[in-house]
Every structure is written in structure tokens, then in C-alpha cells.
Protein backbone atom coordinates (compact mmCIF):
# COMPACT_ATOMS: atom_id res chain seq x y z
CA MET A 1 -47.79 -64.67 -5.72
CA SER A 2 -46.97 -66.22 -8.83
CA ALA A 3 -43.01 -65.89 -9.59
CA ALA A 4 -43.98 -63.56 -12.73
CA LEU A 5 -45.55 -61.09 -10.20
CA THR A 6 -42.96 -61.48 -7.71
CA PRO A 7 -41.57 -57.06 -7.87
CA ARG A 8 -38.85 -56.95 -9.76
CA PRO A 9 -35.88 -54.45 -9.18
CA VAL A 10 -35.23 -52.08 -12.33
CA SER A 11 -31.60 -53.73 -12.83
CA PHE A 12 -33.70 -56.84 -13.39
CA SER A 13 -35.05 -55.86 -16.88
CA ARG A 14 -32.28 -53.27 -18.30
CA VAL A 15 -31.08 -53.86 -21.62
CA SER A 16 -28.88 -52.44 -24.12
CA LEU A 17 -28.64 -52.38 -27.70
CA ALA A 18 -25.97 -51.58 -30.30
CA ILE A 19 -26.05 -50.93 -34.57
CA ALA A 20 -23.60 -49.71 -37.01
CA VAL A 21 -25.43 -47.75 -39.19
CA GLY A 22 -25.34 -47.10 -43.07
CA SER A 23 -26.62 -45.71 -46.41
CA ALA A 24 -29.83 -47.65 -45.70
CA HIS A 25 -30.78 -45.90 -42.66
CA ALA A 26 -29.95 -42.38 -44.00
CA ASN A 27 -32.31 -39.18 -44.76
CA ILE A 28 -32.14 -37.13 -47.77
CA LEU A 29 -29.56 -34.56 -45.54
CA GLY A 30 -27.39 -37.64 -45.34
CA ASN A 31 -27.65 -38.41 -41.63
CA VAL A 32 -29.04 -41.13 -40.20
CA HIS A 33 -32.84 -41.17 -39.67
CA GLY A 34 -35.01 -40.27 -36.81
CA GLY A 35 -37.51 -43.06 -37.82
CA GLU A 36 -34.39 -45.24 -37.25
CA ILE A 37 -33.56 -43.92 -34.27
CA MET A 38 -37.02 -44.39 -32.72
CA LYS A 39 -37.31 -47.45 -34.41
CA LEU A 40 -34.13 -49.10 -32.46
CA ALA A 41 -35.22 -47.44 -29.08
CA ASP A 42 -38.78 -49.07 -29.29
CA SER A 43 -37.12 -52.36 -29.84
CA THR A 44 -35.16 -51.84 -27.17
CA ALA A 45 -38.06 -50.80 -24.98
CA GLY A 46 -39.82 -53.84 -26.36
CA ALA A 47 -36.81 -55.79 -24.93
CA VAL A 48 -37.51 -54.42 -21.63
CA ALA A 49 -41.20 -54.76 -21.45
CA PHE A 50 -40.97 -58.26 -22.42
CA ARG A 51 -37.81 -59.28 -19.48
CA HIS A 52 -40.17 -57.12 -17.05
CA SER A 53 -43.24 -58.51 -17.57
CA ASP A 54 -42.21 -61.74 -18.27
CA GLY A 55 -43.88 -62.29 -21.56
CA PRO A 56 -45.11 -60.18 -24.71
CA ALA A 57 -45.69 -56.43 -24.22
CA VAL A 58 -46.92 -54.13 -26.86
CA THR A 59 -46.13 -50.53 -27.70
CA ALA A 60 -49.13 -48.17 -26.21
CA ALA A 61 -47.70 -44.78 -26.50
CA MET A 62 -44.78 -43.03 -27.61
CA ASP A 63 -44.71 -40.36 -24.65
CA GLU A 64 -42.08 -38.13 -25.83
CA MET A 65 -38.56 -38.19 -27.93
CA SER A 66 -36.22 -35.67 -28.53
CA PHE A 67 -33.60 -35.50 -30.66
CA LEU A 68 -30.39 -34.03 -29.62
CA ARG A 69 -27.84 -34.17 -31.99
CA PRO A 70 -27.49 -35.67 -35.71
CA VAL A 71 -26.30 -39.11 -36.20
CA HIS A 72 -24.27 -39.90 -38.93
CA VAL A 73 -23.77 -42.70 -41.30
CA GLY A 74 -21.18 -45.15 -39.58
CA ASP A 75 -21.76 -44.50 -36.47
CA ILE A 76 -22.04 -47.17 -33.71
CA VAL A 77 -25.75 -46.38 -32.29
CA LYS A 78 -26.15 -47.98 -28.58
CA THR A 79 -29.68 -47.66 -26.86
CA TYR A 80 -29.47 -48.23 -23.08
CA ALA A 81 -33.58 -48.68 -21.24
CA GLN A 82 -35.10 -49.40 -18.24
CA VAL A 83 -38.60 -49.48 -16.23
CA ASN A 84 -39.03 -45.88 -15.31
CA TRP A 85 -42.72 -46.95 -13.71
CA ALA A 86 -45.47 -49.86 -13.64
CA GLY A 87 -48.72 -49.80 -13.24
CA ARG A 88 -51.38 -53.10 -12.91
CA SER A 89 -50.65 -53.75 -16.81
CA SER A 90 -48.48 -50.79 -18.18
CA MET A 91 -45.18 -49.62 -17.89
CA GLU A 92 -42.78 -46.99 -18.88
CA ILE A 93 -39.83 -47.50 -20.36
CA GLY A 94 -37.25 -44.76 -20.30
CA VAL A 95 -34.30 -44.93 -23.29
CA ARG A 96 -31.10 -43.09 -24.05
CA VAL A 97 -29.61 -43.23 -27.12
CA GLU A 98 -26.00 -42.78 -27.86
CA ALA A 99 -23.56 -42.40 -30.93
CA GLN A 100 -20.31 -42.99 -30.87
CA PRO A 101 -17.92 -42.85 -34.67
CA PHE A 102 -17.32 -46.23 -36.23
CA GLY A 103 -13.54 -45.92 -36.58
CA ASN A 104 -12.77 -43.86 -33.27
CA ALA A 105 -12.78 -46.02 -30.47
CA THR A 106 -11.33 -43.67 -28.24
CA ASP A 107 -13.94 -40.89 -28.82
CA GLU A 108 -16.77 -40.11 -25.59
CA PRO A 109 -20.10 -41.66 -27.30
CA VAL A 110 -22.46 -38.65 -27.25
CA HIS A 111 -26.23 -38.36 -25.89
CA VAL A 112 -28.39 -37.97 -29.52
CA ALA A 113 -31.77 -38.86 -28.22
CA SER A 114 -33.80 -39.56 -25.59
CA ALA A 115 -37.36 -41.40 -25.15
CA TYR A 116 -40.27 -42.59 -23.04
CA PHE A 117 -42.26 -45.43 -24.26
CA VAL A 118 -45.62 -46.87 -22.26
CA PHE A 119 -46.02 -50.68 -22.96
CA VAL A 120 -48.85 -52.81 -21.81
CA ALA A 121 -48.05 -56.12 -21.02
CA VAL A 122 -50.49 -58.87 -22.99
CA ASP A 123 -51.92 -62.78 -22.54
CA ASP A 124 -52.20 -64.69 -26.08
CA ASP A 125 -55.50 -63.32 -26.76
CA GLY A 126 -54.19 -59.56 -26.99
CA SER A 127 -55.96 -58.63 -23.67
CA SER A 128 -53.70 -56.81 -21.37
CA ARG A 129 -52.15 -58.63 -18.10
CA GLN A 130 -51.01 -57.50 -14.57
CA VAL A 131 -47.06 -57.02 -14.55
CA PRO A 132 -44.79 -57.12 -11.42
CA GLU A 133 -44.41 -54.15 -9.28
CA LEU A 134 -41.08 -52.37 -9.81
CA ILE A 135 -38.68 -52.09 -7.17
CA THR A 136 -36.54 -48.72 -7.10
CA GLU A 137 -33.23 -48.69 -5.33
CA THR A 138 -30.64 -45.96 -6.15
CA PRO A 139 -32.13 -42.03 -6.04
CA THR A 140 -31.82 -42.07 -9.67
CA GLU A 141 -34.46 -44.57 -10.12
CA VAL A 142 -36.71 -42.95 -7.22
CA ARG A 143 -36.18 -39.64 -9.13
CA ARG A 144 -37.37 -41.66 -12.60
CA GLU A 145 -39.89 -43.03 -11.17
CA ARG A 146 -41.51 -39.97 -9.83
CA GLU A 147 -40.87 -37.84 -12.77
CA ALA A 148 -42.82 -40.90 -15.01
CA GLN A 149 -45.86 -40.67 -12.47
CA ILE A 150 -45.70 -37.15 -13.91
CA ARG A 151 -45.92 -37.87 -17.33
CA ARG A 152 -48.46 -40.51 -16.81
CA ALA A 153 -50.84 -37.94 -14.81
CA HIS A 154 -50.30 -35.66 -17.85
CA ARG A 155 -51.17 -37.86 -20.13
CA LEU A 156 -54.09 -39.35 -18.21
CA ALA A 157 -55.35 -35.41 -17.97
CA ARG A 158 -54.59 -34.91 -21.49
CA LYS A 159 -56.89 -37.76 -22.91
CA MET A 160 -59.70 -36.37 -20.31
CA GLU A 161 -59.86 -32.92 -21.54
CA ILE A 162 -59.85 -34.25 -25.34
CA ASP A 163 -62.79 -36.69 -24.10
CA GLN A 164 -64.55 -33.92 -21.96
CA GLY A 165 -64.01 -31.50 -25.22
CA ARG A 166 -65.49 -34.21 -27.92
CA GLU A 167 -69.02 -34.81 -26.04
């Protein structure tokens, strides 16, 4: 087995990113535009996918994104992401988004959004390539992997039902 396909623990590829959001990120209500939050979450998930697969990976789907609270101009937005599940060439990456007021370091960060992305590892020609197996080490990681498998089963069932309806 090559080094790239050696099974990897969830902790191997965890990533956190942070930005201070400004008025260029604002929507017409004066809050940070949801698309900006999605972009940061996708970038964080992409870094995780690259680390886990040891190379390029592309966004294949955003399975779900839940916005829980608004993000305000001036907040520091932090994303935390990890691989929840890995298949032959695809991976589900979970992303948690938190916000903290810029000027008050004593305030606890607030959970503002969560998302699940599906990435596919690709080679130089853009064809899918195999990714390492995922090693879950904690009860939380085991739970997240099980939940990712449920989301995958729902995605596949939905696709199959839509395809059958088009025949």
C-alpha cells in the first residue's frame, strides 16, 4: 500500500480557518451574506479533503447547510472541519462555523452554521482517484461517521428515485 493510501485518523486532516468579516461581505440587511459563509465553509472543507486525500479534491455536493444565527459585520468568523466519512474516492466533510464579536475577546464564540460537503479526490486528468480509509478513534467520530453514512444513503436513494422518474 502506498503512503497516500495508509488509513488516516480523523485528527490527521482537521482544519480551522478564521477571517474578520467586513462590509464587503454584507447583505442588504447589513449582516454577512450567507454565500460568504458558504464560501469560507467550502474552502475549509477543501483544505480538509486535500489533506486527507493527499492531493486535489473537488466539491461534488453540499449536502446540507444550516444557518443558525446571523453573522454581523466586524465579527471574527471561524470554521472547523474534519472528514466524517471516506469512501473509495469521495469524502464527507463536516464544517462548524462560529462567530465572535471583533472587539470582545471575552465573549464565547457562537455556533452560527453547520454544513456537510461531499468532495471527490481527483488526479491530474480530473478523474477520480482512491482516498485513504478513515480511522475513527472517539465515540463522537464514530457517531459522525454513522450519521454521514445515513446522509450518503439518502443522497443515493434520492438520486435513484429521481433517475427512475425521468425514465
